[in-house]
Amino acid sequence: MSRTSTASSSPRSPRPPPGAPIPERRDEVRSALERLGVRPARAWGQSFLVDPFVADAEAALVATRPGEPVLEIGGGLGILTRALVRRGYAPLSVIERDRRLAGFLRDAFGDRVRVLEGDALAIELPPATCVVGNLPYSVATPILLRCLARRPSRLVALVQREVADRLAAGPGSKTYGRLSLAARLYGEVELFRTVPAEAFDPVPDVASRLVVHTARPGALPVPSVPDFEAAVRTLFSSRRKQLGNLLPRVAGTAASAERLARAAGWPVDWARRRPEEIAPDGFFALARALAIRPPGSADGRVHPQP
C-alpha cells in the first residue's frame, strides 16, 4: 500500500503548472499519474489515497503547536500534504522518493512546503515534533522503527490494519511481539479509525488503520536499545518454544537464565511460558538485568539464535 511513492520507471511527462490542483477522486488520481508517467508498483503494494476526509482526519491527529516542525513521509500526489497545509502546520517538510511526484509536489505547493527527494529509510530525516504519513505496506515496519528511534513527540501513521494491530498489541495476543515492544519502549500507541481498502487506488487487498504514537517522557526504561532489541529478537525467534529453551540463548547458560529471570522479576514458572506471555515491563527489566550482570556470569553479551 505505498502511499509513499516508489514508482516504476517510465517516460518523462510534462509537469503540471504551478499551483496545480491536488487530485482526490479516483479518476483524477489516475489521470495525474498517467500524465506524470507513474505506474503504481504492485510489488510494493503501492496505492494512493482518494478520500480527502481520511486525509483531513489524519492531519487533525497531528495536533502540533504553531511553529513546531512537521515531517510527512511519502507525499505522493499531495492529498495529505494539502490537508496539513490547510490546517496551518508549519514548517512542513515532505519526503518523496519518486522524482516525478517530488516535482509535482514542488509545483503544487511552492515555498509552503519543503520537499525532500529520497528514500525515507536512507535519507537524513529533518528534526520534527510530529512525523505523519501514509506508509507503504512493504516497508511500514522499518520506517516506523526508524521514526520511533528518533523519538518525535508524536507519530501519526496510516498503515495496514495488521501493522496497527501489532503496534498496539498487548501480552497474550498472537500479534504481540517485537514491534509491540518497540512501540512501548518509546511510548504509547492509540488506535483510531479503520480505513476501507476502497479509500485507495489501486484498491489494496486489506484495510488500513490510523494510529498515533505518543513519545515516552524522560529516559528510556532500558540502558541499551541495541542489547534490548537483540534480546527481544532472540526470544521471539521461535514463538512456539517456551522461555526455558529460549532465555539460555540470551543468557549463555541455563543457570544464568534462571538468575536473569529472577532479577527481572519474571513469574516463578517463567520457563514454561512463551515470550508473548511476558509484559513489556518484564522485557525492560530483563534488559536492565542483562546490563548489570556480574563479570563471572557467562560473557555479558546477548547470544544470538544458533
Protein backbone atom coordinates (compact mmCIF):
# COMPACT_ATOMS: atom_id res chain seq x y z
CA MET A 1 0.00 0.00 0.00
CA SER A 2 2.64 2.52 -0.79
CA ARG A 3 1.29 5.95 -0.47
CA THR A 4 4.98 6.68 -0.12
CA SER A 5 5.73 6.56 -3.78
CA THR A 6 8.28 4.28 -5.33
CA ALA A 7 7.09 4.16 -8.88
CA SER A 8 8.44 2.13 -11.77
CA SER A 9 10.42 3.87 -14.44
CA SER A 10 8.54 5.24 -17.43
CA PRO A 11 8.87 8.06 -19.99
CA ARG A 12 9.04 11.60 -18.64
CA SER A 13 5.84 13.61 -18.83
CA PRO A 14 5.30 17.36 -18.57
CA ARG A 15 4.96 18.63 -15.04
CA PRO A 16 1.70 20.25 -14.01
CA PRO A 17 1.58 24.05 -14.00
CA PRO A 18 2.42 25.85 -10.70
CA GLY A 19 -0.40 25.62 -8.21
CA ALA A 20 -1.93 22.63 -9.98
CA PRO A 21 -4.96 21.23 -8.13
CA ILE A 22 -4.43 18.16 -5.95
CA PRO A 23 -6.23 15.11 -7.35
CA GLU A 24 -8.53 13.40 -4.88
CA ARG A 25 -11.11 11.43 -6.87
CA ARG A 26 -10.15 8.07 -8.34
CA ASP A 27 -10.35 9.29 -11.93
CA GLU A 28 -8.32 12.41 -11.10
CA VAL A 29 -5.60 10.34 -9.43
CA ARG A 30 -5.37 8.01 -12.42
CA SER A 31 -5.20 10.93 -14.84
CA ALA A 32 -2.48 12.67 -12.83
CA LEU A 33 -0.39 9.50 -12.59
CA GLU A 34 -0.74 8.89 -16.32
CA ARG A 35 0.29 12.46 -17.07
CA LEU A 36 3.35 12.10 -14.84
CA GLY A 37 4.26 8.69 -16.24
CA VAL A 38 3.90 6.97 -12.85
CA ARG A 39 2.64 3.41 -12.62
CA PRO A 40 1.71 2.17 -9.14
CA ALA A 41 4.03 -0.73 -8.29
CA ARG A 42 2.01 -3.72 -7.13
CA ALA A 43 5.17 -5.38 -5.81
CA TRP A 44 5.31 -2.61 -3.20
CA GLY A 45 1.56 -2.62 -2.67
CA GLN A 46 1.56 0.95 -3.95
CA SER A 47 -1.76 2.77 -3.68
CA PHE A 48 -2.82 6.41 -3.43
CA LEU A 49 -5.37 7.80 -1.01
CA VAL A 50 -8.52 9.02 -2.79
CA ASP A 51 -10.56 10.09 0.25
CA PRO A 52 -9.93 13.70 1.37
CA PHE A 53 -11.93 13.14 4.54
CA VAL A 54 -9.45 10.47 5.65
CA ALA A 55 -6.58 12.83 4.85
CA ASP A 56 -8.17 15.57 6.95
CA ALA A 57 -8.81 13.17 9.84
CA GLU A 58 -5.15 12.15 9.73
CA ALA A 59 -4.00 15.76 9.62
CA ALA A 60 -6.20 16.60 12.60
CA LEU A 61 -4.35 14.00 14.69
CA VAL A 62 -1.02 15.79 14.18
CA ALA A 63 -2.07 18.42 16.74
CA THR A 64 1.21 20.35 16.99
CA ARG A 65 1.53 23.90 18.25
CA PRO A 66 2.32 26.84 15.94
CA GLY A 67 5.93 26.82 14.82
CA GLU A 68 6.63 23.17 15.68
CA PRO A 69 8.12 21.34 12.66
CA VAL A 70 6.15 18.56 11.00
CA LEU A 71 7.57 15.87 8.71
CA GLU A 72 5.40 13.94 6.25
CA ILE A 73 6.71 10.60 4.98
CA GLY A 74 5.65 9.96 1.38
CA GLY A 75 3.91 12.94 -0.20
CA GLY A 76 2.61 11.10 -3.26
CA LEU A 77 0.07 13.31 -5.04
CA GLY A 78 -0.31 15.64 -2.08
CA ILE A 79 -3.73 14.79 -0.65
CA LEU A 80 -2.38 14.59 2.92
CA THR A 81 0.08 17.42 2.31
CA ARG A 82 -2.81 19.69 1.32
CA ALA A 83 -4.71 18.77 4.49
CA LEU A 84 -1.63 19.61 6.58
CA VAL A 85 -1.15 22.95 4.80
CA ARG A 86 -4.82 23.84 5.22
CA ARG A 87 -4.53 23.26 8.97
CA GLY A 88 -1.58 25.63 9.12
CA TYR A 89 1.16 23.20 10.15
CA ALA A 90 4.49 24.90 9.51
CA PRO A 91 7.31 24.45 8.92
CA LEU A 92 6.34 21.36 6.93
CA SER A 93 8.80 19.02 5.20
CA VAL A 94 7.75 16.17 2.90
CA ILE A 95 9.87 13.19 1.89
CA GLU A 96 9.04 11.76 -1.54
CA ARG A 97 11.10 9.05 -3.21
CA ASP A 98 9.89 9.41 -6.80
CA ARG A 99 11.39 12.39 -8.65
CA ARG A 100 8.25 12.93 -10.73
CA LEU A 101 5.99 13.10 -7.71
CA ALA A 102 8.52 15.25 -5.87
CA GLY A 103 8.38 17.68 -8.79
CA PHE A 104 4.59 17.61 -8.73
CA LEU A 105 4.60 18.50 -5.02
CA ARG A 106 7.04 21.37 -5.53
CA ASP A 107 4.88 22.81 -8.29
CA ALA A 108 1.66 22.35 -6.34
CA PHE A 109 2.78 23.82 -3.02
CA GLY A 110 5.68 26.12 -3.87
CA ASP A 111 7.50 27.53 -0.87
CA ARG A 112 4.78 26.46 1.58
CA VAL A 113 6.38 23.00 1.75
CA ARG A 114 9.98 21.80 1.75
CA VAL A 115 10.13 18.72 -0.48
CA LEU A 116 12.99 16.28 0.15
CA GLU A 117 13.57 13.75 -2.62
CA GLY A 118 14.81 10.41 -1.33
CA ASP A 119 14.10 7.09 0.37
CA ALA A 120 12.64 7.50 3.88
CA LEU A 121 14.82 4.59 5.02
CA ALA A 122 18.04 6.22 3.80
CA ILE A 123 17.64 9.98 3.66
CA GLU A 124 18.61 12.11 6.66
CA LEU A 125 15.39 12.91 8.48
CA PRO A 126 14.96 16.56 9.46
CA PRO A 127 14.01 17.39 13.05
CA ALA A 128 10.26 17.18 13.66
CA THR A 129 7.92 17.41 16.60
CA CYS A 130 5.47 15.20 14.70
CA VAL A 131 6.04 12.68 11.92
CA VAL A 132 3.00 11.78 9.82
CA GLY A 133 2.44 9.65 6.76
CA ASN A 134 0.57 7.05 4.77
CA LEU A 135 3.15 4.29 4.94
CA PRO A 136 3.72 1.61 2.29
CA TYR A 137 2.78 -1.89 3.36
CA SER A 138 6.08 -3.36 2.18
CA VAL A 139 8.30 -1.13 4.35
CA ALA A 140 5.94 0.26 7.00
CA THR A 141 7.65 -1.59 9.87
CA PRO A 142 11.24 -0.43 9.21
CA ILE A 143 10.02 3.14 8.60
CA LEU A 144 8.09 3.07 11.88
CA LEU A 145 11.10 1.72 13.76
CA ARG A 146 13.38 4.36 12.28
CA CYS A 147 10.97 7.14 13.17
CA LEU A 148 10.31 5.82 16.68
CA ALA A 149 14.04 5.73 17.39
CA ARG A 150 14.21 9.48 16.68
CA ARG A 151 11.62 9.97 19.44
CA PRO A 152 9.33 12.62 17.94
CA SER A 153 6.72 13.83 20.41
CA ARG A 154 4.03 12.38 18.17
CA LEU A 155 3.87 9.95 15.26
CA VAL A 156 0.69 9.69 13.18
CA ALA A 157 0.50 6.93 10.58
CA LEU A 158 -1.98 5.31 8.25
CA VAL A 159 -0.82 1.71 7.97
CA GLN A 160 -2.08 -1.73 7.07
CA ARG A 161 -4.53 -2.83 9.77
CA GLU A 162 -2.33 -5.82 10.64
CA VAL A 163 0.61 -3.49 11.35
CA ALA A 164 -1.62 -1.28 13.50
CA ASP A 165 -2.72 -4.33 15.48
CA ARG A 166 0.88 -5.38 16.03
CA LEU A 167 1.84 -1.90 17.21
CA ALA A 168 -0.93 -1.81 19.81
CA ALA A 169 -0.92 -5.49 20.85
CA GLY A 170 -0.54 -6.47 24.49
CA PRO A 171 0.68 -9.63 26.25
CA GLY A 172 -1.24 -12.77 25.36
CA SER A 173 -2.13 -11.59 21.88
CA LYS A 174 -0.99 -13.51 18.82
CA THR A 175 0.15 -10.19 17.31
CA TYR A 176 2.21 -9.16 20.36
CA GLY A 177 5.88 -9.17 19.54
CA ARG A 178 8.93 -7.16 18.57
CA LEU A 179 7.02 -4.24 17.02
CA SER A 180 4.68 -4.03 20.02
CA LEU A 181 7.63 -3.90 22.39
CA ALA A 182 9.44 -1.28 20.32
CA ALA A 183 6.33 0.91 20.41
CA ARG A 184 6.04 0.53 24.19
CA LEU A 185 9.76 1.15 24.64
CA TYR A 186 9.40 4.58 23.08
CA GLY A 187 5.91 5.47 24.29
CA GLU A 188 2.22 4.62 23.94
CA VAL A 189 0.01 3.67 20.99
CA GLU A 190 -3.60 4.62 20.37
CA LEU A 191 -5.72 3.18 17.56
CA PHE A 192 -8.13 5.34 15.60
CA ARG A 193 -10.48 4.80 12.66
CA THR A 194 -10.24 1.89 10.27
CA VAL A 195 -9.98 2.93 6.62
CA PRO A 196 -11.50 0.62 4.00
CA ALA A 197 -9.48 -0.57 1.04
CA GLU A 198 -11.80 1.36 -1.28
CA ALA A 199 -10.30 4.61 0.01
CA PHE A 200 -7.22 3.91 -2.15
CA ASP A 201 -6.38 3.47 -5.80
CA PRO A 202 -5.40 0.88 -6.85
CA VAL A 203 -7.59 -0.85 -4.26
CA PRO A 204 -5.35 -2.94 -1.97
CA ASP A 205 -6.28 -6.37 -0.61
CA VAL A 206 -6.53 -5.20 3.01
CA ALA A 207 -7.93 -2.37 5.11
CA SER A 208 -5.81 0.26 6.84
CA ARG A 209 -5.98 1.99 10.20
CA LEU A 210 -4.91 5.29 11.68
CA VAL A 211 -2.57 5.02 14.67
CA VAL A 212 -0.97 7.61 16.93
CA HIS A 213 2.19 7.04 18.95
CA THR A 214 2.96 9.46 21.79
CA ALA A 215 6.55 9.57 22.98
CA ARG A 216 7.61 8.48 26.44
CA PRO A 217 8.80 11.45 28.52
CA GLY A 218 12.25 11.28 30.07
CA ALA A 219 14.74 8.45 29.81
CA LEU A 220 14.03 5.11 28.18
CA PRO A 221 13.48 2.14 30.53
CA VAL A 222 16.46 0.18 29.16
CA PRO A 223 20.18 1.05 29.39
CA SER A 224 20.97 -0.13 25.84
CA VAL A 225 18.46 -0.17 23.00
CA PRO A 226 20.63 -2.42 20.74
CA ASP A 227 21.01 -5.00 23.52
CA PHE A 228 17.30 -4.85 24.30
CA GLU A 229 16.42 -5.33 20.63
CA ALA A 230 18.88 -8.22 20.29
CA ALA A 231 17.37 -10.00 23.30
CA VAL A 232 13.80 -9.49 22.07
CA ARG A 233 14.74 -10.67 18.57
CA THR A 234 16.22 -13.87 20.01
CA LEU A 235 13.31 -14.57 22.36
CA PHE A 236 10.69 -14.07 19.64
CA SER A 237 12.62 -16.06 17.03
CA SER A 238 10.64 -19.21 17.93
CA ARG A 239 7.26 -18.18 19.28
CA ARG A 240 6.09 -21.75 19.85
CA LYS A 241 9.02 -22.57 22.15
CA GLN A 242 8.97 -21.98 25.88
CA LEU A 243 11.23 -19.45 27.55
CA GLY A 244 13.10 -22.24 29.30
CA ASN A 245 14.53 -23.10 25.88
CA LEU A 246 14.90 -19.51 24.67
CA LEU A 247 16.31 -17.47 27.55
CA PRO A 248 19.57 -19.50 27.75
CA ARG A 249 20.28 -18.28 24.21
CA VAL A 250 20.30 -14.76 25.64
CA ALA A 251 21.96 -15.57 28.97
CA GLY A 252 24.58 -18.05 27.75
CA THR A 253 23.70 -20.89 30.15
CA ALA A 254 20.61 -22.32 31.84
CA ALA A 255 21.90 -21.22 35.24
CA SER A 256 22.46 -17.67 34.03
CA ALA A 257 18.98 -17.68 32.53
CA GLU A 258 17.48 -18.58 35.90
CA ARG A 259 19.38 -15.76 37.60
CA LEU A 260 18.32 -13.27 34.93
CA ALA A 261 14.67 -14.26 35.17
CA ARG A 262 14.73 -13.80 38.95
CA ALA A 263 16.50 -10.45 38.66
CA ALA A 264 13.90 -9.30 36.12
CA GLY A 265 11.04 -10.29 38.42
CA TRP A 266 9.60 -12.82 35.99
CA PRO A 267 6.98 -15.31 37.27
CA VAL A 268 8.35 -18.39 39.05
CA ASP A 269 7.03 -20.57 36.22
CA TRP A 270 8.72 -18.43 33.55
CA ALA A 271 10.46 -21.45 31.97
CA ARG A 272 7.10 -22.94 30.95
CA ARG A 273 5.79 -19.71 29.49
CA ARG A 274 6.14 -18.34 25.97
CA PRO A 275 7.54 -14.91 25.06
CA GLU A 276 4.10 -13.40 24.32
CA GLU A 277 3.10 -14.02 27.95
CA ILE A 278 5.68 -11.57 29.34
CA ALA A 279 4.57 -7.94 29.70
CA PRO A 280 6.69 -5.09 28.28
CA ASP A 281 7.92 -4.11 31.74
CA GLY A 282 9.25 -7.68 32.12
CA PHE A 283 11.34 -7.30 28.98
CA PHE A 284 12.58 -3.87 30.10
CA ALA A 285 13.58 -5.37 33.46
CA LEU A 286 15.39 -8.19 31.64
CA ALA A 287 17.39 -5.63 29.65
CA ARG A 288 18.39 -3.88 32.88
CA ALA A 289 19.37 -7.19 34.47
CA LEU A 290 21.50 -8.05 31.46
CA ALA A 291 23.33 -4.76 31.79
CA ILE A 292 24.32 -5.30 35.45
CA ARG A 293 25.31 -8.97 35.40
CA PRO A 294 28.47 -9.64 37.40
CA PRO A 295 31.64 -10.42 35.41
CA GLY A 296 31.52 -14.13 36.22
CA SER A 297 28.07 -14.73 34.68
CA ALA A 298 28.58 -16.08 31.15
CA ASP A 299 30.21 -13.45 28.94
CA GLY A 300 27.94 -10.44 29.46
CA ARG A 301 26.66 -10.46 25.90
CA VAL A 302 23.36 -11.32 24.27
CA HIS A 303 23.78 -14.62 22.47
CA PRO A 304 22.16 -14.80 19.02
CA GLN A 305 20.00 -17.70 18.00
CA PRO A 306 22.16 -20.64 16.82
